């Protein structure tokens, strides 16, 4: 049996749709259930429905052979696994955003950056040789510059609607983000006969 960790919500449904196109019976993922572990009717696959941030952990530890999760999560957690394929759905950007007049302050050594991507932000600014104050937040990141908690935010932007509604704009696009297929290193060796053909089918479908 091949186990797959899926991020709960829309990403799980899109992942299941892709798996179905590859010949995997992932219909149980669409069922209205509170179960967190689901098995395909043919007993060839099991699916773990977890929070996005936990997908890489389940794959790294080998609880799941495969996982599908956003690149932003992989950047933030840097787990020991193989990133095999860009699945090209759920596209967005990891950006620095704030008020338009703040663009001139982006290299300010006293810049305050609010984000839930604390590790990624620290690494980004360290690589640039810039010292900034990172303010960790877990939700409603856009509120930070509006209230004066931070100068800018570092966050995922999809449509930009929330930014515009709060008078904010993208000041810098840093990373292109999309869903990625990740694989446990040991599973890729021990279950190569099952996993590699599935990866080939996915690659053919997503182009």
N, C-alpha and C. Protein backbone atom coordinates (compact mmCIF):
# COMPACT_ATOMS: atom_id res chain seq x y z
N UNK A 1 0.84 -1.19 0.00
CA UNK A 1 0.00 0.00 0.00
C UNK A 1 0.87 1.25 0.00
N UNK A 2 0.53 2.21 -0.84
CA UNK A 2 1.23 3.49 -0.90
C UNK A 2 0.44 4.50 -0.08
N UNK A 3 1.12 5.17 0.83
CA UNK A 3 0.45 6.17 1.67
C UNK A 3 0.78 7.57 1.18
N UNK A 4 -0.24 8.42 1.18
CA UNK A 4 -0.11 9.78 0.64
C UNK A 4 -0.62 10.79 1.67
N UNK A 5 0.22 11.75 2.02
CA UNK A 5 -0.20 12.83 2.92
C UNK A 5 -0.73 13.99 2.10
N UNK A 6 -1.95 14.40 2.39
CA UNK A 6 -2.59 15.48 1.65
C UNK A 6 -2.96 16.62 2.60
N UNK A 7 -2.76 17.84 2.14
CA UNK A 7 -3.15 19.01 2.93
C UNK A 7 -4.67 19.16 2.89
N UNK A 8 -5.28 19.28 4.05
CA UNK A 8 -6.73 19.39 4.14
C UNK A 8 -7.26 20.55 3.31
N UNK A 9 -8.48 20.39 2.80
CA UNK A 9 -9.13 21.48 2.09
C UNK A 9 -9.03 21.37 0.58
N UNK A 10 -9.01 22.53 -0.07
CA UNK A 10 -9.04 22.59 -1.52
C UNK A 10 -7.85 21.88 -2.15
N UNK A 11 -6.69 21.99 -1.51
CA UNK A 11 -5.50 21.36 -2.06
C UNK A 11 -5.63 19.84 -2.09
N UNK A 12 -6.29 19.27 -1.07
CA UNK A 12 -6.52 17.83 -1.04
C UNK A 12 -7.42 17.41 -2.20
N UNK A 13 -8.45 18.20 -2.47
CA UNK A 13 -9.36 17.87 -3.57
C UNK A 13 -8.67 17.96 -4.93
N UNK A 14 -7.86 19.00 -5.11
CA UNK A 14 -7.14 19.13 -6.37
C UNK A 14 -6.12 18.01 -6.53
N UNK A 15 -5.50 17.62 -5.43
CA UNK A 15 -4.54 16.52 -5.45
C UNK A 15 -5.24 15.22 -5.82
N UNK A 16 -6.42 15.01 -5.24
CA UNK A 16 -7.17 13.79 -5.53
C UNK A 16 -7.61 13.75 -6.99
N UNK A 17 -7.98 14.90 -7.53
CA UNK A 17 -8.36 14.95 -8.95
C UNK A 17 -7.20 14.55 -9.84
N UNK A 18 -5.99 15.02 -9.49
CA UNK A 18 -4.81 14.65 -10.27
C UNK A 18 -4.52 13.16 -10.14
N UNK A 19 -4.63 12.64 -8.93
CA UNK A 19 -4.40 11.21 -8.72
C UNK A 19 -5.39 10.36 -9.52
N UNK A 20 -6.64 10.82 -9.56
CA UNK A 20 -7.66 10.10 -10.34
C UNK A 20 -7.27 10.05 -11.82
N UNK A 21 -6.76 11.15 -12.34
CA UNK A 21 -6.32 11.20 -13.74
C UNK A 21 -5.16 10.24 -13.99
N UNK A 22 -4.43 9.93 -12.93
CA UNK A 22 -3.30 9.01 -13.05
C UNK A 22 -3.70 7.55 -12.83
N UNK A 23 -4.99 7.32 -12.66
CA UNK A 23 -5.47 5.95 -12.49
C UNK A 23 -5.58 5.50 -11.05
N UNK A 24 -5.39 6.41 -10.11
CA UNK A 24 -5.51 6.08 -8.69
C UNK A 24 -6.95 6.34 -8.25
N UNK A 25 -7.55 5.38 -7.57
CA UNK A 25 -8.91 5.58 -7.06
C UNK A 25 -8.83 6.39 -5.77
N UNK A 26 -8.94 7.69 -5.90
CA UNK A 26 -8.87 8.59 -4.75
C UNK A 26 -10.24 9.15 -4.38
N UNK A 27 -11.28 8.44 -4.79
CA UNK A 27 -12.66 8.93 -4.58
C UNK A 27 -12.98 9.16 -3.11
N UNK A 28 -12.34 8.41 -2.20
CA UNK A 28 -12.65 8.54 -0.77
C UNK A 28 -12.26 9.92 -0.25
N UNK A 29 -11.33 10.60 -0.92
CA UNK A 29 -10.90 11.91 -0.46
C UNK A 29 -12.04 12.92 -0.58
N UNK A 30 -12.93 12.70 -1.53
CA UNK A 30 -14.06 13.62 -1.75
C UNK A 30 -15.23 13.33 -0.82
N UNK A 31 -15.17 12.26 -0.05
CA UNK A 31 -16.29 11.87 0.81
C UNK A 31 -16.44 12.84 1.97
N UNK A 32 -17.66 12.99 2.44
CA UNK A 32 -17.96 13.88 3.56
C UNK A 32 -17.77 13.09 4.85
N UNK A 33 -16.55 13.07 5.32
CA UNK A 33 -16.22 12.29 6.51
C UNK A 33 -15.25 13.05 7.39
N UNK A 34 -15.25 12.72 8.68
CA UNK A 34 -14.31 13.33 9.60
C UNK A 34 -13.07 12.45 9.80
N UNK A 35 -13.03 11.32 9.11
CA UNK A 35 -11.88 10.44 9.22
C UNK A 35 -10.64 11.13 8.66
N UNK A 36 -9.51 10.87 9.30
CA UNK A 36 -8.25 11.47 8.87
C UNK A 36 -7.39 10.50 8.09
N UNK A 37 -7.71 9.22 8.17
CA UNK A 37 -7.02 8.20 7.40
C UNK A 37 -8.05 7.48 6.53
N UNK A 38 -7.86 7.54 5.23
CA UNK A 38 -8.81 6.97 4.29
C UNK A 38 -8.09 5.95 3.40
N UNK A 39 -8.79 4.88 3.03
CA UNK A 39 -8.21 3.88 2.14
C UNK A 39 -8.97 3.85 0.83
N UNK A 40 -8.23 3.68 -0.25
CA UNK A 40 -8.89 3.55 -1.56
C UNK A 40 -9.66 2.23 -1.59
N UNK A 41 -10.73 2.18 -2.37
CA UNK A 41 -11.54 0.96 -2.44
C UNK A 41 -10.73 -0.29 -2.82
N UNK A 42 -9.68 -0.10 -3.63
CA UNK A 42 -8.88 -1.26 -4.04
C UNK A 42 -7.75 -1.58 -3.06
N UNK A 43 -7.68 -0.85 -1.94
CA UNK A 43 -6.70 -1.07 -0.88
C UNK A 43 -5.25 -0.86 -1.33
N UNK A 44 -5.06 -0.17 -2.42
CA UNK A 44 -3.69 0.07 -2.90
C UNK A 44 -3.10 1.37 -2.36
N UNK A 45 -3.97 2.28 -1.92
CA UNK A 45 -3.52 3.58 -1.42
C UNK A 45 -4.23 3.93 -0.12
N UNK A 46 -3.49 4.61 0.74
CA UNK A 46 -4.11 5.22 1.92
C UNK A 46 -3.79 6.71 1.88
N UNK A 47 -4.70 7.51 2.41
CA UNK A 47 -4.56 8.96 2.36
C UNK A 47 -4.67 9.53 3.78
N UNK A 48 -3.69 10.35 4.16
CA UNK A 48 -3.72 11.03 5.44
C UNK A 48 -4.09 12.48 5.20
N UNK A 49 -5.13 12.97 5.83
CA UNK A 49 -5.56 14.36 5.69
C UNK A 49 -5.02 15.15 6.88
N UNK A 50 -4.04 16.02 6.62
CA UNK A 50 -3.35 16.73 7.70
C UNK A 50 -3.25 18.21 7.38
N UNK A 51 -2.84 18.99 8.35
CA UNK A 51 -2.60 20.41 8.10
C UNK A 51 -1.43 20.56 7.12
N UNK A 52 -1.49 21.57 6.25
CA UNK A 52 -0.42 21.72 5.26
C UNK A 52 0.98 21.70 5.85
N UNK A 53 1.17 22.36 6.98
CA UNK A 53 2.51 22.44 7.58
C UNK A 53 3.02 21.08 8.05
N UNK A 54 2.11 20.11 8.23
CA UNK A 54 2.50 18.80 8.73
C UNK A 54 2.81 17.79 7.62
N UNK A 55 2.44 18.11 6.39
CA UNK A 55 2.68 17.18 5.28
C UNK A 55 4.16 16.80 5.17
N UNK A 56 5.09 17.77 5.14
CA UNK A 56 6.50 17.39 5.01
C UNK A 56 7.00 16.50 6.15
N UNK A 57 6.48 16.71 7.36
CA UNK A 57 6.91 15.91 8.51
C UNK A 57 6.50 14.45 8.34
N UNK A 58 5.26 14.22 7.92
CA UNK A 58 4.79 12.85 7.71
C UNK A 58 5.61 12.15 6.63
N UNK A 59 6.00 12.90 5.61
CA UNK A 59 6.80 12.31 4.53
C UNK A 59 8.24 12.08 4.98
N UNK A 60 8.82 13.04 5.67
CA UNK A 60 10.20 12.89 6.13
C UNK A 60 10.36 11.66 7.02
N UNK A 61 9.41 11.43 7.92
CA UNK A 61 9.49 10.31 8.85
C UNK A 61 9.02 8.99 8.25
N UNK A 62 8.55 9.01 7.01
CA UNK A 62 8.17 7.77 6.34
C UNK A 62 6.80 7.26 6.70
N UNK A 63 6.03 8.04 7.45
CA UNK A 63 4.65 7.64 7.73
C UNK A 63 3.86 7.69 6.43
N UNK A 64 4.17 8.69 5.62
CA UNK A 64 3.60 8.79 4.27
C UNK A 64 4.73 8.61 3.26
N UNK A 65 4.46 7.84 2.22
CA UNK A 65 5.44 7.66 1.16
C UNK A 65 5.52 8.91 0.28
N UNK A 66 4.36 9.49 0.03
CA UNK A 66 4.25 10.66 -0.84
C UNK A 66 3.50 11.77 -0.11
N UNK A 67 3.68 12.98 -0.58
CA UNK A 67 2.91 14.10 -0.05
C UNK A 67 2.73 15.14 -1.13
N UNK A 68 1.66 15.90 -1.03
CA UNK A 68 1.43 17.02 -1.94
C UNK A 68 1.18 18.25 -1.08
N UNK A 69 2.01 19.27 -1.29
CA UNK A 69 1.96 20.45 -0.42
C UNK A 69 2.53 21.64 -1.17
N UNK A 70 2.22 22.84 -0.71
CA UNK A 70 2.70 24.05 -1.35
C UNK A 70 4.20 24.26 -1.15
N UNK A 71 4.83 24.88 -2.14
CA UNK A 71 6.26 25.17 -2.06
C UNK A 71 6.57 26.08 -0.89
N UNK A 72 5.64 26.96 -0.51
CA UNK A 72 5.87 27.84 0.63
C UNK A 72 6.11 27.04 1.90
N UNK A 73 5.37 25.96 2.08
CA UNK A 73 5.54 25.10 3.25
C UNK A 73 6.88 24.40 3.22
N UNK A 74 7.31 23.96 2.05
CA UNK A 74 8.61 23.29 1.92
C UNK A 74 9.75 24.26 2.24
N UNK A 75 9.63 25.49 1.78
CA UNK A 75 10.65 26.49 2.06
C UNK A 75 10.75 26.76 3.56
N UNK A 76 9.61 26.81 4.22
CA UNK A 76 9.58 27.17 5.62
C UNK A 76 10.12 26.06 6.52
N UNK A 77 9.87 24.81 6.15
CA UNK A 77 10.20 23.72 7.07
C UNK A 77 11.46 22.94 6.68
N UNK A 78 11.89 23.01 5.44
CA UNK A 78 13.15 22.41 4.99
C UNK A 78 13.37 21.00 5.56
N UNK A 79 12.46 20.10 5.24
CA UNK A 79 12.56 18.73 5.72
C UNK A 79 13.46 17.90 4.79
N UNK A 80 13.91 16.75 5.31
CA UNK A 80 14.80 15.86 4.57
C UNK A 80 13.97 14.91 3.72
N UNK A 81 13.64 15.35 2.51
CA UNK A 81 12.82 14.55 1.60
C UNK A 81 13.17 14.96 0.17
N UNK A 82 12.58 14.27 -0.79
CA UNK A 82 12.81 14.60 -2.19
C UNK A 82 11.63 15.40 -2.73
N UNK A 83 11.90 16.57 -3.30
CA UNK A 83 10.88 17.32 -4.03
C UNK A 83 10.97 16.86 -5.48
N UNK A 84 9.95 16.16 -5.95
CA UNK A 84 10.03 15.47 -7.23
C UNK A 84 9.41 16.21 -8.40
N UNK A 85 8.35 16.98 -8.13
CA UNK A 85 7.58 17.51 -9.26
C UNK A 85 6.81 18.76 -8.89
N UNK A 86 6.83 19.74 -9.78
CA UNK A 86 5.97 20.91 -9.66
C UNK A 86 4.64 20.55 -10.32
N UNK A 87 3.59 20.49 -9.52
CA UNK A 87 2.28 20.07 -10.03
C UNK A 87 1.50 21.21 -10.66
N UNK A 88 1.97 22.43 -10.49
CA UNK A 88 1.48 23.60 -11.20
C UNK A 88 0.05 24.03 -10.86
N UNK A 89 -0.52 23.48 -9.79
CA UNK A 89 -1.82 24.03 -9.38
C UNK A 89 -1.66 24.77 -8.05
N UNK A 90 -2.68 25.55 -7.70
CA UNK A 90 -2.64 26.47 -6.56
C UNK A 90 -1.47 27.44 -6.70
N UNK A 91 -1.33 28.09 -7.88
CA UNK A 91 -0.22 29.03 -8.06
C UNK A 91 -0.42 30.32 -7.27
N UNK A 92 0.65 30.81 -6.69
CA UNK A 92 0.63 32.08 -5.99
C UNK A 92 2.06 32.58 -5.87
N UNK A 93 2.26 33.65 -5.12
CA UNK A 93 3.59 34.23 -4.97
C UNK A 93 3.85 34.53 -3.50
N UNK A 94 5.08 34.33 -3.09
CA UNK A 94 5.48 34.73 -1.75
C UNK A 94 6.13 36.10 -1.90
N UNK A 95 5.50 37.09 -1.29
CA UNK A 95 5.85 38.49 -1.58
C UNK A 95 6.09 39.31 -0.31
N UNK A 96 6.81 40.40 -0.52
CA UNK A 96 6.87 41.47 0.48
C UNK A 96 5.81 42.49 0.07
N UNK A 97 4.95 42.85 0.99
CA UNK A 97 3.86 43.78 0.67
C UNK A 97 3.72 44.82 1.77
N UNK A 98 3.16 45.96 1.39
CA UNK A 98 2.95 47.03 2.36
C UNK A 98 2.34 48.23 1.67
N UNK A 99 2.41 49.38 2.31
CA UNK A 99 1.93 50.60 1.68
C UNK A 99 2.90 51.03 0.58
N UNK A 100 2.39 51.58 -0.52
CA UNK A 100 3.26 51.96 -1.65
C UNK A 100 4.46 52.82 -1.24
N UNK A 101 4.25 53.72 -0.30
CA UNK A 101 5.34 54.63 0.10
C UNK A 101 6.43 53.92 0.91
N UNK A 102 6.18 52.65 1.30
CA UNK A 102 7.18 51.91 2.09
C UNK A 102 8.26 51.27 1.22
N UNK A 103 8.08 51.31 -0.09
CA UNK A 103 9.04 50.65 -0.97
C UNK A 103 10.46 51.20 -0.77
N UNK A 104 10.55 52.49 -0.49
CA UNK A 104 11.87 53.10 -0.32
C UNK A 104 12.54 52.66 0.99
N UNK A 105 11.75 52.01 1.87
CA UNK A 105 12.30 51.58 3.16
C UNK A 105 12.72 50.11 3.17
N UNK A 106 12.62 49.42 2.04
CA UNK A 106 12.86 47.98 2.02
C UNK A 106 14.27 47.59 2.44
N UNK A 107 15.21 48.49 2.27
CA UNK A 107 16.58 48.19 2.70
C UNK A 107 16.93 48.88 4.02
N UNK A 108 15.94 49.41 4.68
CA UNK A 108 16.13 50.05 5.98
C UNK A 108 16.55 49.00 7.01
N UNK A 109 17.65 49.23 7.75
CA UNK A 109 18.10 48.23 8.73
C UNK A 109 17.13 48.06 9.89
N UNK A 110 16.21 48.99 10.04
CA UNK A 110 15.23 48.89 11.13
C UNK A 110 13.87 48.42 10.61
N UNK A 111 13.85 47.83 9.42
CA UNK A 111 12.60 47.36 8.82
C UNK A 111 11.97 46.28 9.70
N UNK A 112 10.67 46.43 9.95
CA UNK A 112 9.93 45.42 10.71
C UNK A 112 9.05 44.64 9.74
N UNK A 113 9.22 43.31 9.75
CA UNK A 113 8.55 42.43 8.79
C UNK A 113 7.66 41.44 9.55
N UNK A 114 6.37 41.51 9.32
CA UNK A 114 5.43 40.56 9.95
C UNK A 114 5.19 39.39 9.01
N UNK A 115 5.21 38.17 9.54
CA UNK A 115 5.05 37.00 8.69
C UNK A 115 4.77 35.75 9.51
N UNK A 116 4.16 34.77 8.86
CA UNK A 116 4.09 33.44 9.47
C UNK A 116 5.21 32.56 8.94
N UNK A 117 5.90 33.06 7.91
CA UNK A 117 7.04 32.33 7.34
C UNK A 117 8.33 32.85 7.97
N UNK A 118 8.47 32.62 9.26
CA UNK A 118 9.57 33.20 10.02
C UNK A 118 10.93 32.70 9.54
N UNK A 119 11.06 31.40 9.39
CA UNK A 119 12.34 30.81 8.96
C UNK A 119 12.72 31.31 7.56
N UNK A 120 11.77 31.28 6.64
CA UNK A 120 12.04 31.70 5.27
C UNK A 120 12.44 33.17 5.22
N UNK A 121 11.75 34.00 5.98
CA UNK A 121 12.05 35.44 5.99
C UNK A 121 13.44 35.69 6.57
N UNK A 122 13.76 35.04 7.68
CA UNK A 122 15.08 35.24 8.29
C UNK A 122 16.18 34.81 7.33
N UNK A 123 15.98 33.69 6.67
CA UNK A 123 16.99 33.19 5.73
C UNK A 123 17.13 34.15 4.55
N UNK A 124 16.01 34.65 4.04
CA UNK A 124 16.03 35.57 2.91
C UNK A 124 16.84 36.82 3.22
N UNK A 125 16.52 37.46 4.34
CA UNK A 125 17.19 38.71 4.67
C UNK A 125 18.64 38.49 5.09
N UNK A 126 18.92 37.33 5.72
CA UNK A 126 20.30 37.01 6.09
C UNK A 126 21.17 36.84 4.84
N UNK A 127 20.61 36.17 3.82
CA UNK A 127 21.35 35.98 2.58
C UNK A 127 21.62 37.30 1.88
N UNK A 128 20.77 38.27 2.11
CA UNK A 128 20.95 39.59 1.52
C UNK A 128 21.86 40.49 2.38
N UNK A 129 22.20 39.98 3.55
CA UNK A 129 23.02 40.77 4.45
C UNK A 129 22.27 41.91 5.10
N UNK A 130 20.96 41.76 5.20
CA UNK A 130 20.12 42.81 5.77
C UNK A 130 19.59 42.38 7.14
N UNK A 131 19.72 43.24 8.12
CA UNK A 131 19.20 42.96 9.45
C UNK A 131 17.82 43.62 9.59
N UNK A 132 16.84 42.79 9.83
CA UNK A 132 15.48 43.30 10.00
C UNK A 132 14.88 42.66 11.25
N UNK A 133 13.81 43.24 11.71
CA UNK A 133 13.08 42.66 12.84
C UNK A 133 11.93 41.82 12.29
N UNK A 134 11.95 40.52 12.59
CA UNK A 134 10.88 39.63 12.15
C UNK A 134 9.84 39.52 13.25
N UNK A 135 8.60 39.80 12.91
CA UNK A 135 7.49 39.72 13.87
C UNK A 135 6.61 38.53 13.49
N UNK A 136 6.64 37.44 14.26
CA UNK A 136 5.85 36.25 13.94
C UNK A 136 4.35 36.49 14.16
N UNK A 137 3.55 36.15 13.15
CA UNK A 137 2.10 36.19 13.25
C UNK A 137 1.53 34.93 12.61
N UNK A 138 0.34 34.55 13.02
CA UNK A 138 -0.27 33.32 12.50
C UNK A 138 -1.48 33.55 11.61
N UNK A 139 -2.05 34.74 11.67
CA UNK A 139 -3.24 34.99 10.85
C UNK A 139 -3.46 36.47 10.65
N UNK A 140 -4.27 36.80 9.62
CA UNK A 140 -4.57 38.20 9.29
C UNK A 140 -3.29 39.03 9.24
N UNK A 141 -2.33 38.55 8.48
CA UNK A 141 -1.02 39.21 8.41
C UNK A 141 -1.16 40.65 7.91
N UNK A 142 -2.12 40.87 7.02
CA UNK A 142 -2.30 42.20 6.43
C UNK A 142 -2.62 43.28 7.48
N UNK A 143 -3.08 42.84 8.64
CA UNK A 143 -3.44 43.80 9.69
C UNK A 143 -2.20 44.47 10.28
N UNK A 144 -1.05 43.82 10.19
CA UNK A 144 0.16 44.34 10.85
C UNK A 144 0.58 45.73 10.37
N UNK A 145 0.72 45.97 9.05
CA UNK A 145 1.09 47.33 8.63
C UNK A 145 -0.05 48.33 8.80
N UNK A 146 -1.28 47.85 8.73
CA UNK A 146 -2.43 48.74 8.90
C UNK A 146 -2.45 49.33 10.30
N UNK A 147 -2.08 48.52 11.30
CA UNK A 147 -2.12 48.97 12.69
C UNK A 147 -0.78 49.55 13.16
N UNK A 148 0.24 49.45 12.30
CA UNK A 148 1.55 49.97 12.67
C UNK A 148 2.44 48.97 13.38
N UNK A 149 1.99 47.71 13.47
CA UNK A 149 2.82 46.68 14.11
C UNK A 149 4.09 46.41 13.30
N UNK A 150 3.96 46.49 11.97
CA UNK A 150 5.13 46.25 11.10
C UNK A 150 5.14 47.27 9.97
N UNK A 151 6.29 47.36 9.31
CA UNK A 151 6.38 48.21 8.12
C UNK A 151 5.83 47.49 6.90
N UNK A 152 6.17 46.21 6.80
CA UNK A 152 5.74 45.40 5.65
C UNK A 152 5.37 44.01 6.15
N UNK A 153 4.81 43.21 5.24
CA UNK A 153 4.54 41.81 5.53
C UNK A 153 5.24 40.94 4.50
N UNK A 154 5.48 39.71 4.87
CA UNK A 154 6.06 38.71 3.96
C UNK A 154 5.07 37.56 3.95
N UNK A 155 4.32 37.42 2.85
CA UNK A 155 3.21 36.47 2.87
C UNK A 155 2.88 36.00 1.47
N UNK A 156 2.08 34.95 1.41
CA UNK A 156 1.61 34.43 0.13
C UNK A 156 0.51 35.34 -0.42
N UNK A 157 0.62 35.65 -1.71
CA UNK A 157 -0.39 36.47 -2.39
C UNK A 157 -0.92 35.67 -3.56
N UNK A 158 -2.23 35.51 -3.61
CA UNK A 158 -2.83 34.78 -4.73
C UNK A 158 -3.51 35.74 -5.69
N UNK A 159 -4.57 36.37 -5.24
CA UNK A 159 -5.26 37.34 -6.10
C UNK A 159 -4.91 38.78 -5.73
N UNK A 160 -4.47 38.99 -4.51
CA UNK A 160 -4.16 40.34 -4.05
C UNK A 160 -5.37 41.11 -3.55
N UNK A 161 -6.52 40.46 -3.50
CA UNK A 161 -7.75 41.13 -3.09
C UNK A 161 -7.70 41.68 -1.67
N UNK A 162 -7.17 40.90 -0.74
CA UNK A 162 -7.10 41.36 0.65
C UNK A 162 -6.13 42.52 0.78
N UNK A 163 -5.03 42.46 0.03
CA UNK A 163 -4.08 43.58 0.05
C UNK A 163 -4.76 44.86 -0.40
N UNK A 164 -5.43 44.79 -1.55
CA UNK A 164 -6.07 45.99 -2.11
C UNK A 164 -7.13 46.53 -1.18
N UNK A 165 -7.88 45.63 -0.54
CA UNK A 165 -8.95 46.07 0.36
C UNK A 165 -8.41 46.84 1.56
N UNK A 166 -7.14 46.63 1.86
CA UNK A 166 -6.53 47.30 3.01
C UNK A 166 -5.49 48.34 2.60
N UNK A 167 -5.51 48.73 1.31
CA UNK A 167 -4.63 49.78 0.83
C UNK A 167 -3.19 49.37 0.65
N UNK A 168 -2.93 48.06 0.61
CA UNK A 168 -1.57 47.55 0.48
C UNK A 168 -1.29 47.10 -0.94
N UNK A 169 -0.01 47.04 -1.29
CA UNK A 169 0.39 46.58 -2.62
C UNK A 169 1.60 45.64 -2.48
N UNK A 170 1.83 44.85 -3.51
CA UNK A 170 3.03 44.02 -3.55
C UNK A 170 4.22 44.92 -3.84
N UNK A 171 5.21 44.90 -2.97
CA UNK A 171 6.42 45.70 -3.13
C UNK A 171 7.54 44.90 -3.79
N UNK A 172 7.50 43.58 -3.57
CA UNK A 172 8.52 42.72 -4.16
C UNK A 172 8.01 41.29 -4.24
N UNK A 173 8.14 40.67 -5.41
CA UNK A 173 7.81 39.25 -5.56
C UNK A 173 9.09 38.45 -5.33
N UNK A 174 9.05 37.53 -4.38
CA UNK A 174 10.27 36.81 -3.98
C UNK A 174 10.31 35.39 -4.53
N UNK A 175 9.24 34.62 -4.33
CA UNK A 175 9.20 33.24 -4.79
C UNK A 175 7.89 32.95 -5.52
N UNK A 176 7.95 32.17 -6.60
CA UNK A 176 6.75 31.61 -7.21
C UNK A 176 6.40 30.34 -6.46
N UNK A 177 5.14 30.22 -6.09
CA UNK A 177 4.69 29.10 -5.26
C UNK A 177 3.63 28.29 -6.01
N UNK A 178 3.69 26.99 -5.85
CA UNK A 178 2.65 26.09 -6.39
C UNK A 178 2.72 24.78 -5.63
N UNK A 179 1.80 23.87 -5.89
CA UNK A 179 1.79 22.58 -5.23
C UNK A 179 2.94 21.72 -5.74
N UNK A 180 3.58 21.00 -4.84
CA UNK A 180 4.70 20.14 -5.20
C UNK A 180 4.47 18.71 -4.69
N UNK A 181 4.99 17.76 -5.45
CA UNK A 181 4.97 16.36 -5.02
C UNK A 181 6.28 16.07 -4.31
N UNK A 182 6.19 15.57 -3.09
CA UNK A 182 7.38 15.19 -2.33
C UNK A 182 7.33 13.71 -1.99
N UNK A 183 8.52 13.11 -1.84
CA UNK A 183 8.61 11.67 -1.64
C UNK A 183 9.60 11.37 -0.52
N UNK A 184 9.27 10.40 0.29
CA UNK A 184 10.18 9.92 1.32
C UNK A 184 11.38 9.25 0.66
N UNK A 185 12.58 9.52 1.16
CA UNK A 185 13.80 9.03 0.52
C UNK A 185 13.89 7.51 0.51
N UNK A 186 13.50 6.88 1.60
CA UNK A 186 13.56 5.42 1.67
C UNK A 186 12.48 4.80 0.79
N UNK A 187 11.29 5.38 0.81
CA UNK A 187 10.18 4.85 0.01
C UNK A 187 10.51 4.85 -1.48
N UNK A 188 11.25 5.89 -1.92
CA UNK A 188 11.59 5.97 -3.33
C UNK A 188 12.44 4.78 -3.76
N UNK A 189 13.19 4.20 -2.82
CA UNK A 189 14.01 3.03 -3.12
C UNK A 189 13.22 1.73 -2.95
N UNK A 190 12.53 1.62 -1.82
CA UNK A 190 11.86 0.36 -1.50
C UNK A 190 10.56 0.14 -2.26
N UNK A 191 9.93 1.23 -2.70
CA UNK A 191 8.66 1.11 -3.43
C UNK A 191 8.76 1.75 -4.81
N UNK A 192 9.96 1.70 -5.37
CA UNK A 192 10.21 2.35 -6.67
C UNK A 192 9.28 1.83 -7.76
N UNK A 193 8.97 0.54 -7.72
CA UNK A 193 8.12 -0.06 -8.74
C UNK A 193 6.73 0.52 -8.79
N UNK A 194 6.24 1.02 -7.66
CA UNK A 194 4.92 1.62 -7.60
C UNK A 194 4.98 3.15 -7.74
N UNK A 195 5.99 3.74 -7.11
CA UNK A 195 6.06 5.20 -7.04
C UNK A 195 6.54 5.84 -8.34
N UNK A 196 7.58 5.31 -8.95
CA UNK A 196 8.15 5.93 -10.15
C UNK A 196 7.16 5.99 -11.33
N UNK A 197 6.42 4.91 -11.60
CA UNK A 197 5.42 5.01 -12.68
C UNK A 197 4.35 6.06 -12.39
N UNK A 198 3.97 6.21 -11.12
CA UNK A 198 2.97 7.21 -10.76
C UNK A 198 3.53 8.62 -11.00
N UNK A 199 4.80 8.84 -10.63
CA UNK A 199 5.43 10.13 -10.87
C UNK A 199 5.49 10.42 -12.37
N UNK A 200 5.80 9.41 -13.17
CA UNK A 200 5.86 9.59 -14.63
C UNK A 200 4.48 9.99 -15.19
N UNK A 201 3.42 9.38 -14.66
CA UNK A 201 2.08 9.72 -15.12
C UNK A 201 1.72 11.16 -14.74
N UNK A 202 2.09 11.54 -13.51
CA UNK A 202 1.83 12.91 -13.07
C UNK A 202 2.58 13.91 -13.95
N UNK A 203 3.83 13.59 -14.22
CA UNK A 203 4.65 14.50 -15.05
C UNK A 203 4.04 14.65 -16.45
N UNK A 204 3.52 13.57 -16.98
CA UNK A 204 2.89 13.61 -18.31
C UNK A 204 1.64 14.47 -18.30
N UNK A 205 0.87 14.38 -17.22
CA UNK A 205 -0.40 15.11 -17.13
C UNK A 205 -0.17 16.61 -16.90
N UNK A 206 0.73 16.93 -15.97
CA UNK A 206 0.92 18.36 -15.66
C UNK A 206 1.82 19.06 -16.67
N UNK A 207 2.49 18.25 -17.52
CA UNK A 207 3.35 18.84 -18.55
C UNK A 207 4.64 19.34 -17.98
